[in-house]
Amino acid sequence: NQFAGKPFSLPFSRRVFLGVSAVSAVRVLGANDRIRCATIGVGGRGYYLTSKFKQLGADMAAVCDVYEPRRQKCLEAASPGAQACEDYRRILDDQSIDAVVIATPEHWHAKTTIDAIKAGKDVYVEKPLAHSVQEGFQMVDAVRQTKRLAMVGTQRRSYDLYREVKPIFDSGILGKVRLVNCWWLNRWESLGTKPLEGRLNWELFLGPAPKRELELIRFYHWLHFWDYAGGILIGQAAHIVDSVQYMMNSVFPLAVTCSAGKVNLPGAEIPETASMTVEYPENYTLVFTISYQAMHYNSHNDQLMQFHGSKARLDLGRESYALYPQSDEVDLKPDQQRRMPGSFESAGLAHIRNFLECLRSRKETNATIEMGNATNVALAMAIESLRTGHRMKWNADTKQAES
């Protein structure tokens, strides 16, 4: 077990400990039954997901967070009569809850997901899937052993714009794609903190991470510390790498190399400017560069993926795409294009709608646990490469990255 020997452990409730046998206690959803959900981790993203799940008809019956002000605030986004709790095990013990939405810091994704799955819950878990290669495969095993449903929050797989683009790739019109160049640019000025405004269970926040005294910057800005996350590099690469693998029908990489400059945000531990190179067995290379020390961009313009084919190039942005056929002209003109500024909100709604529909039909979601794990492998290898300075190679036999 990935969590064995950690300085923090949660004693399992009987239903979690029973694992697969607990699934029999889960009710079968009828056509008119309202789906009852709970959110675990209700910071900004958790609050958003709670409100959108409710908007799409789910009964958001409970919210959970280690910080009391956040869970009280999220009750405003939840359904009438919703309960709030500090410890997620209380939610797992509630047999009326059909599914949980997990929007905790990344270091909690694996344990919370596995516990929820073993307690008979279906799971919507935010990206990136996990915090290590091993955790990702443990999550896959838990889902498949219990036959629960799990969806990863990579919403581009449900976005109508991206689903419109996918047949273009599959048609072969681009020819042979050997290089995909991607970037994500924006700006952060600083990391600010503020005094606590209520009870915080710091030990429960740390969970499987190393024990340490409370540091508010780590609590408010966990994304920037290795113990809890992979930084904005991994947070945004989760979307980019997953989108490329979706379009290119790829799974695991051959090798990953990652490098970065100095940390430019005082107090942060992980660089906000970095570049990763991912080599795939399909004979193409993905290069992703991120910087949050660039100028500020409107979200419509802050990211781009360029697929360089032998016959055409396809540019895929957050809310746009353009297909450029090979041409010797000075000014390239697209054969096909679509711009949909402001439409990205619909991607998240479509993703949640797909999850809720699958809870009834028991069909696989648009973003399965295996899809999330394939992306997680590339991301975990990037972290290892950045921290060691080595090119990491994927060993499919041992399911491990090696330098």
Protein backbone atom coordinates (compact mmCIF):
# COMPACT_ATOMS: atom_id res chain seq x y z
CA ASN A 1 0.00 0.00 0.00
CA GLN A 2 1.32 3.43 -1.00
CA PHE A 3 0.21 4.83 2.36
CA ALA A 4 1.68 2.13 4.60
CA GLY A 5 4.25 3.49 7.01
CA LYS A 6 3.21 7.10 6.50
CA PRO A 7 3.22 9.30 9.63
CA PHE A 8 -0.54 9.78 9.29
CA SER A 9 -3.20 7.10 9.08
CA LEU A 10 -6.96 7.01 9.24
CA PRO A 11 -8.58 3.99 10.87
CA PHE A 12 -11.01 2.57 8.34
CA SER A 13 -14.69 2.39 9.09
CA ARG A 14 -16.20 -1.08 8.75
CA ARG A 15 -17.74 -0.30 5.35
CA VAL A 16 -14.48 1.04 3.93
CA PHE A 17 -12.53 -1.91 5.36
CA LEU A 18 -14.91 -4.43 3.84
CA GLY A 19 -14.06 -3.09 0.40
CA VAL A 20 -15.82 -4.98 -2.39
CA SER A 21 -18.47 -6.45 -0.13
CA ALA A 22 -19.62 -2.95 0.80
CA VAL A 23 -20.78 -2.39 -2.79
CA SER A 24 -23.85 -4.52 -2.19
CA ALA A 25 -25.16 -1.86 0.17
CA VAL A 26 -25.34 0.75 -2.60
CA ARG A 27 -28.79 1.45 -3.95
CA VAL A 28 -29.60 0.97 -7.64
CA LEU A 29 -30.70 4.24 -9.20
CA GLY A 30 -34.10 4.24 -10.80
CA ALA A 31 -35.02 6.48 -13.72
CA ASN A 32 -36.70 9.01 -11.43
CA ASP A 33 -34.37 8.78 -8.45
CA ARG A 34 -32.43 11.92 -7.69
CA ILE A 35 -28.70 11.26 -7.51
CA ARG A 36 -27.28 12.11 -4.08
CA CYS A 37 -23.72 13.42 -4.10
CA ALA A 38 -21.23 14.91 -1.67
CA THR A 39 -18.15 17.05 -2.28
CA ILE A 40 -14.88 16.37 -0.48
CA GLY A 41 -12.59 19.40 -0.58
CA VAL A 42 -14.57 22.61 -1.08
CA GLY A 43 -12.07 25.32 -1.85
CA GLY A 44 -12.60 27.30 -5.05
CA ARG A 45 -12.86 24.29 -7.36
CA GLY A 46 -14.93 22.24 -4.95
CA TYR A 47 -17.38 25.11 -4.48
CA TYR A 48 -17.69 25.47 -8.26
CA LEU A 49 -18.30 21.76 -8.80
CA THR A 50 -20.86 21.63 -6.02
CA SER A 51 -22.86 24.43 -7.60
CA LYS A 52 -22.67 22.92 -11.10
CA PHE A 53 -23.63 19.42 -9.97
CA LYS A 54 -26.66 20.95 -8.24
CA GLN A 55 -27.46 23.02 -11.34
CA LEU A 56 -27.59 19.81 -13.38
CA GLY A 57 -29.99 18.11 -11.01
CA ALA A 58 -27.87 16.29 -8.44
CA ASP A 59 -28.85 16.46 -4.79
CA MET A 60 -25.68 17.86 -3.23
CA ALA A 61 -26.40 16.44 0.18
CA ALA A 62 -23.09 17.00 1.98
CA VAL A 63 -19.87 18.97 1.86
CA CYS A 64 -16.58 18.16 3.56
CA ASP A 65 -13.45 20.19 4.19
CA VAL A 66 -10.74 20.44 6.83
CA TYR A 67 -11.31 24.23 7.04
CA GLU A 68 -14.55 25.22 8.73
CA PRO A 69 -15.18 28.54 6.89
CA ARG A 70 -14.95 26.82 3.50
CA ARG A 71 -17.42 24.09 4.30
CA GLN A 72 -19.85 26.59 5.76
CA LYS A 73 -19.56 28.76 2.66
CA CYS A 74 -20.05 25.76 0.37
CA LEU A 75 -23.35 24.97 2.06
CA GLU A 76 -24.61 27.98 0.12
CA ALA A 77 -23.84 26.13 -3.14
CA ALA A 78 -25.19 22.79 -1.93
CA SER A 79 -28.79 21.60 -1.82
CA PRO A 80 -31.21 22.68 0.93
CA GLY A 81 -30.66 20.67 4.08
CA ALA A 82 -27.10 19.67 3.14
CA GLN A 83 -24.79 18.62 5.95
CA ALA A 84 -21.20 19.76 6.53
CA CYS A 85 -18.41 17.68 8.04
CA GLU A 86 -14.67 17.89 8.65
CA ASP A 87 -13.78 14.21 8.16
CA TYR A 88 -14.57 12.58 4.81
CA ARG A 89 -15.14 9.19 6.45
CA ARG A 90 -18.49 10.45 7.70
CA ILE A 91 -19.58 10.82 4.07
CA LEU A 92 -18.35 7.36 3.16
CA ASP A 93 -20.37 5.88 6.00
CA ASP A 94 -23.58 7.44 4.65
CA GLN A 95 -25.26 4.76 2.55
CA SER A 96 -27.62 7.30 0.98
CA ILE A 97 -24.73 8.99 -0.86
CA ASP A 98 -24.37 7.60 -4.40
CA ALA A 99 -21.24 9.45 -5.51
CA VAL A 100 -18.55 11.78 -4.24
CA VAL A 101 -16.85 14.69 -5.94
CA ILE A 102 -13.19 14.91 -4.90
CA ALA A 103 -11.53 18.32 -5.19
CA THR A 104 -8.92 18.01 -2.46
CA PRO A 105 -5.24 18.89 -2.84
CA GLU A 106 -3.51 16.39 -5.12
CA HIS A 107 -1.77 14.42 -2.36
CA TRP A 108 -5.21 13.34 -1.08
CA HIS A 109 -6.66 12.24 -4.45
CA ALA A 110 -5.56 8.60 -4.29
CA LYS A 111 -6.49 7.76 -0.71
CA THR A 112 -9.83 9.56 -0.83
CA THR A 113 -10.74 7.96 -4.17
CA ILE A 114 -9.74 4.46 -3.12
CA ASP A 115 -11.60 4.75 0.19
CA ALA A 116 -14.70 6.06 -1.58
CA ILE A 117 -14.62 3.33 -4.21
CA LYS A 118 -14.25 0.62 -1.55
CA ALA A 119 -17.17 2.15 0.33
CA GLY A 120 -19.34 1.61 -2.74
CA LYS A 121 -19.36 5.19 -4.05
CA ASP A 122 -18.86 6.29 -7.63
CA VAL A 123 -16.24 9.04 -7.93
CA TYR A 124 -15.66 12.25 -9.85
CA VAL A 125 -12.05 13.19 -9.07
CA GLU A 126 -10.30 16.34 -10.14
CA LYS A 127 -7.15 16.29 -12.22
CA PRO A 128 -4.31 15.48 -12.02
CA LEU A 129 -5.39 11.99 -11.04
CA ALA A 130 -2.69 11.28 -8.45
CA HIS A 131 0.59 12.39 -6.94
CA SER A 132 2.75 9.47 -8.10
CA VAL A 133 2.84 6.65 -10.65
CA GLN A 134 2.11 4.02 -8.01
CA GLU A 135 -0.95 5.85 -6.69
CA GLY A 136 -2.48 6.05 -10.17
CA PHE A 137 -2.29 2.30 -10.72
CA GLN A 138 -3.72 1.68 -7.24
CA MET A 139 -6.70 3.84 -8.16
CA VAL A 140 -7.23 1.92 -11.40
CA ASP A 141 -7.12 -1.39 -9.51
CA ALA A 142 -9.66 -0.19 -6.94
CA VAL A 143 -12.11 0.93 -9.62
CA ARG A 144 -11.86 -2.26 -11.66
CA GLN A 145 -12.00 -4.61 -8.67
CA THR A 146 -15.20 -3.04 -7.35
CA LYS A 147 -16.81 -2.21 -10.72
CA ARG A 148 -17.57 1.32 -9.57
CA LEU A 149 -17.52 4.28 -11.96
CA ALA A 150 -14.83 6.92 -11.86
CA MET A 151 -14.44 10.07 -13.93
CA VAL A 152 -11.39 12.34 -14.03
CA GLY A 153 -12.07 16.07 -14.30
CA THR A 154 -10.38 16.56 -17.68
CA GLN A 155 -13.42 18.27 -19.14
CA ARG A 156 -12.03 18.78 -22.64
CA ARG A 157 -12.94 15.15 -23.38
CA SER A 158 -16.62 16.17 -23.11
CA TYR A 159 -16.28 19.60 -24.76
CA ASP A 160 -18.28 19.80 -28.01
CA LEU A 161 -15.48 21.80 -29.67
CA TYR A 162 -12.86 19.14 -28.94
CA ARG A 163 -15.23 16.34 -29.90
CA GLU A 164 -15.76 18.15 -33.20
CA VAL A 165 -12.01 18.28 -33.77
CA LYS A 166 -11.33 14.62 -32.93
CA PRO A 167 -12.64 13.23 -36.27
CA ILE A 168 -10.26 15.57 -38.10
CA PHE A 169 -7.33 13.82 -36.45
CA ASP A 170 -8.80 10.38 -37.02
CA SER A 171 -9.36 11.12 -40.73
CA GLY A 172 -5.61 11.31 -41.39
CA ILE A 173 -5.92 14.70 -43.10
CA LEU A 174 -2.92 16.01 -41.12
CA GLY A 175 -0.64 13.29 -42.47
CA LYS A 176 2.10 12.08 -40.15
CA VAL A 177 2.32 14.14 -36.96
CA ARG A 178 5.81 14.02 -35.49
CA LEU A 179 5.75 17.17 -33.35
CA VAL A 180 3.16 18.79 -31.08
CA ASN A 181 4.12 22.20 -29.68
CA CYS A 182 2.05 23.51 -26.77
CA TRP A 183 2.18 26.48 -24.45
CA TRP A 184 0.21 28.01 -21.58
CA LEU A 185 1.03 31.57 -20.57
CA ASN A 186 -0.26 33.95 -17.93
CA ARG A 187 0.92 35.92 -14.92
CA TRP A 188 1.08 35.66 -11.14
CA GLU A 189 2.45 38.57 -9.16
CA SER A 190 2.73 37.04 -5.69
CA LEU A 191 1.36 34.53 -3.20
CA GLY A 192 -0.66 36.19 -0.48
CA THR A 193 -1.86 34.75 2.81
CA LYS A 194 -4.34 35.88 5.42
CA PRO A 195 -5.11 34.90 9.01
CA LEU A 196 -7.33 31.90 9.60
CA GLU A 197 -10.98 32.80 10.03
CA GLY A 198 -12.10 29.61 11.72
CA ARG A 199 -11.07 26.10 12.70
CA LEU A 200 -8.52 24.31 10.51
CA ASN A 201 -7.67 20.64 11.06
CA TRP A 202 -4.04 20.90 9.94
CA GLU A 203 -3.24 17.26 10.69
CA LEU A 204 -6.10 16.13 8.48
CA PHE A 205 -4.95 18.53 5.74
CA LEU A 206 -1.48 16.95 5.82
CA GLY A 207 -2.88 13.42 5.75
CA PRO A 208 -0.36 11.15 4.00
CA ALA A 209 2.11 14.05 3.50
CA PRO A 210 5.05 14.54 5.88
CA LYS A 211 4.19 16.04 9.25
CA ARG A 212 5.19 19.64 9.93
CA GLU A 213 4.04 22.64 11.89
CA LEU A 214 1.27 24.79 10.41
CA GLU A 215 2.42 27.19 7.70
CA LEU A 216 -0.39 29.30 6.28
CA ILE A 217 1.32 29.70 2.91
CA ARG A 218 1.32 25.92 2.52
CA PHE A 219 -2.35 25.70 3.40
CA TYR A 220 -3.53 28.53 1.16
CA HIS A 221 -1.09 27.80 -1.68
CA TRP A 222 -0.54 24.01 -1.51
CA LEU A 223 -0.26 23.93 -5.32
CA HIS A 224 3.26 25.39 -5.01
CA PHE A 225 4.74 22.73 -2.70
CA TRP A 226 6.05 19.29 -3.63
CA ASP A 227 4.46 17.54 -0.64
CA TYR A 228 0.96 18.27 -1.94
CA ALA A 229 1.15 18.93 -5.69
CA GLY A 230 3.24 19.29 -8.83
CA GLY A 231 2.84 23.03 -9.25
CA ILE A 232 1.08 24.93 -11.99
CA LEU A 233 3.27 22.98 -14.47
CA ILE A 234 1.48 19.73 -13.61
CA GLY A 235 -1.88 21.39 -12.94
CA GLN A 236 -2.07 22.75 -16.47
CA ALA A 237 -0.12 19.97 -18.18
CA ALA A 238 -2.85 17.64 -16.93
CA HIS A 239 -5.18 19.32 -19.42
CA ILE A 240 -2.67 19.68 -22.25
CA VAL A 241 -1.12 16.20 -22.11
CA ASP A 242 -4.53 14.59 -21.74
CA SER A 243 -5.88 16.53 -24.73
CA VAL A 244 -2.92 15.55 -26.91
CA GLN A 245 -3.22 11.90 -25.92
CA TYR A 246 -6.96 12.07 -26.67
CA MET A 247 -6.41 13.49 -30.15
CA MET A 248 -3.43 11.24 -30.95
CA ASN A 249 -4.91 8.02 -29.49
CA SER A 250 -1.89 7.64 -27.22
CA VAL A 251 -1.54 5.99 -23.85
CA PHE A 252 1.78 5.75 -22.01
CA PRO A 253 4.90 7.65 -23.13
CA LEU A 254 8.32 6.25 -23.89
CA ALA A 255 10.25 8.92 -22.00
CA VAL A 256 9.84 12.34 -20.38
CA THR A 257 12.34 15.13 -19.79
CA CYS A 258 11.55 18.30 -17.84
CA SER A 259 13.54 21.41 -16.96
CA ALA A 260 12.82 24.75 -15.34
CA GLY A 261 14.34 28.03 -14.32
CA LYS A 262 14.37 29.61 -10.87
CA VAL A 263 11.27 30.05 -8.75
CA ASN A 264 10.05 33.60 -9.30
CA LEU A 265 7.19 33.66 -6.79
CA PRO A 266 8.51 34.42 -3.28
CA GLY A 267 7.58 31.64 -0.88
CA ALA A 268 6.87 29.05 -3.57
CA GLU A 269 8.82 25.81 -3.89
CA ILE A 270 7.95 24.70 -7.45
CA PRO A 271 8.98 26.73 -10.52
CA GLU A 272 6.14 28.44 -12.36
CA THR A 273 8.14 28.55 -15.61
CA ALA A 274 9.13 25.19 -17.08
CA SER A 275 9.18 22.98 -20.16
CA MET A 276 8.53 19.26 -20.55
CA THR A 277 9.25 17.00 -23.51
CA VAL A 278 7.24 13.79 -23.85
CA GLU A 279 8.30 11.07 -26.33
CA TYR A 280 5.61 8.64 -27.50
CA PRO A 281 5.80 5.16 -29.06
CA GLU A 282 3.66 6.46 -31.95
CA ASN A 283 6.81 8.32 -33.05
CA TYR A 284 5.93 11.88 -32.12
CA THR A 285 7.19 14.33 -29.52
CA LEU A 286 5.09 16.64 -27.34
CA VAL A 287 6.76 19.80 -26.08
CA PHE A 288 4.80 21.75 -23.46
CA THR A 289 6.02 25.07 -22.05
CA ILE A 290 4.37 27.00 -19.26
CA SER A 291 5.09 30.36 -17.66
CA TYR A 292 3.07 32.31 -15.15
CA GLN A 293 5.60 35.14 -15.37
CA ALA A 294 4.47 36.20 -18.84
CA MET A 295 2.04 39.03 -19.49
CA HIS A 296 -1.59 38.55 -18.50
CA TYR A 297 -3.82 36.98 -21.16
CA ASN A 298 -7.54 36.67 -21.59
CA SER A 299 -8.32 33.00 -21.00
CA HIS A 300 -9.37 32.63 -24.66
CA ASN A 301 -5.75 33.32 -25.67
CA ASP A 302 -3.67 31.83 -22.86
CA GLN A 303 -2.99 28.38 -24.35
CA LEU A 304 -2.41 26.66 -27.68
CA MET A 305 -1.58 23.21 -29.04
CA GLN A 306 -0.04 23.03 -32.52
CA PHE A 307 -0.11 19.62 -34.22
CA HIS A 308 2.47 19.72 -37.02
CA GLY A 309 1.49 17.16 -39.63
CA SER A 310 3.19 16.38 -42.94
CA LYS A 311 0.11 17.54 -44.85
CA ALA A 312 -1.48 20.11 -42.54
CA ARG A 313 -1.15 21.84 -39.18
CA LEU A 314 -3.96 22.02 -36.66
CA ASP A 315 -3.98 24.73 -33.99
CA LEU A 316 -6.18 23.87 -31.01
CA GLY A 317 -6.80 26.47 -28.33
CA ARG A 318 -9.02 26.62 -25.28
CA GLU A 319 -12.02 27.77 -27.34
CA SER A 320 -10.89 27.60 -30.95
CA TYR A 321 -9.30 25.50 -33.65
CA ALA A 322 -7.93 26.11 -37.14
CA LEU A 323 -6.74 23.65 -39.79
CA TYR A 324 -3.99 24.94 -42.09
CA PRO A 325 -3.20 22.80 -45.16
CA GLN A 326 0.34 22.75 -46.51
CA SER A 327 0.98 25.91 -48.54
CA ASP A 328 3.88 27.92 -49.90
CA GLU A 329 1.93 31.15 -49.50
CA VAL A 330 3.30 33.86 -47.19
CA ASP A 331 -0.05 34.23 -45.45
CA LEU A 332 -1.48 30.90 -44.37
CA LYS A 333 -5.26 30.60 -44.48
CA PRO A 334 -7.20 27.90 -42.64
CA ASP A 335 -9.41 25.45 -44.49
CA GLN A 336 -11.51 24.89 -41.39
CA GLN A 337 -11.77 26.97 -38.27
CA ARG A 338 -14.02 27.76 -35.36
CA ARG A 339 -13.74 30.40 -32.64
CA MET A 340 -16.05 30.15 -29.64
CA PRO A 341 -14.93 32.80 -27.10
CA GLY A 342 -16.58 32.32 -23.74
CA SER A 343 -17.76 28.78 -24.49
CA PHE A 344 -15.41 26.85 -22.20
CA GLU A 345 -17.89 26.86 -19.34
CA SER A 346 -19.96 24.44 -21.39
CA ALA A 347 -17.13 21.88 -21.27
CA GLY A 348 -17.39 21.49 -17.52
CA LEU A 349 -21.17 21.24 -17.65
CA ALA A 350 -21.02 18.61 -20.40
CA HIS A 351 -18.48 16.62 -18.38
CA ILE A 352 -20.63 16.62 -15.25
CA ARG A 353 -23.72 15.77 -17.29
CA ASN A 354 -21.91 12.77 -18.77
CA PHE A 355 -20.93 11.58 -15.30
CA LEU A 356 -24.48 11.84 -13.98
CA GLU A 357 -25.85 10.03 -17.02
CA CYS A 358 -23.31 7.23 -16.54
CA LEU A 359 -24.33 6.80 -12.91
CA ARG A 360 -27.71 5.67 -14.22
CA SER A 361 -26.65 3.77 -17.34
CA ARG A 362 -23.47 2.27 -15.78
CA LYS A 363 -21.65 3.00 -19.03
CA GLU A 364 -18.05 4.20 -18.99
CA THR A 365 -17.51 7.94 -18.63
CA ASN A 366 -15.83 10.17 -21.23
CA ALA A 367 -12.74 10.39 -18.99
CA THR A 368 -12.13 6.96 -17.49
CA ILE A 369 -9.72 6.15 -14.70
CA GLU A 370 -7.38 4.54 -17.26
CA MET A 371 -7.32 7.72 -19.35
CA GLY A 372 -6.49 9.76 -16.28
CA ASN A 373 -3.82 7.28 -15.28
CA ALA A 374 -2.13 7.38 -18.68
CA THR A 375 -1.83 11.15 -18.32
CA ASN A 376 -0.74 10.81 -14.70
CA VAL A 377 2.18 8.59 -15.71
CA ALA A 378 3.55 11.29 -18.03
CA LEU A 379 3.04 13.97 -15.36
CA ALA A 380 4.67 11.95 -12.58
CA MET A 381 7.63 11.26 -14.88
CA ALA A 382 7.92 14.99 -15.56
CA ILE A 383 8.07 15.69 -11.82
CA GLU A 384 10.76 13.05 -11.35
CA SER A 385 12.76 14.41 -14.27
CA LEU A 386 12.55 17.98 -13.00
CA ARG A 387 13.61 17.03 -9.49
CA THR A 388 16.45 14.69 -10.49
CA GLY A 389 17.68 16.26 -13.71
CA HIS A 390 17.35 12.92 -15.52
CA ARG A 391 15.47 11.81 -18.62
CA MET A 392 12.91 9.32 -17.32
CA LYS A 393 12.05 6.22 -19.36
CA TRP A 394 8.86 4.22 -18.97
CA ASN A 395 9.18 0.51 -18.18
CA ALA A 396 5.86 -1.04 -19.20
CA ASP A 397 6.73 -4.38 -17.59
CA THR A 398 7.37 -3.01 -14.10
CA LYS A 399 5.01 -0.02 -14.47
CA GLN A 400 7.75 2.27 -13.24
CA ALA A 401 9.79 5.19 -14.52
CA GLU A 402 13.54 4.68 -14.70
CA SER A 403 16.40 7.08 -15.32
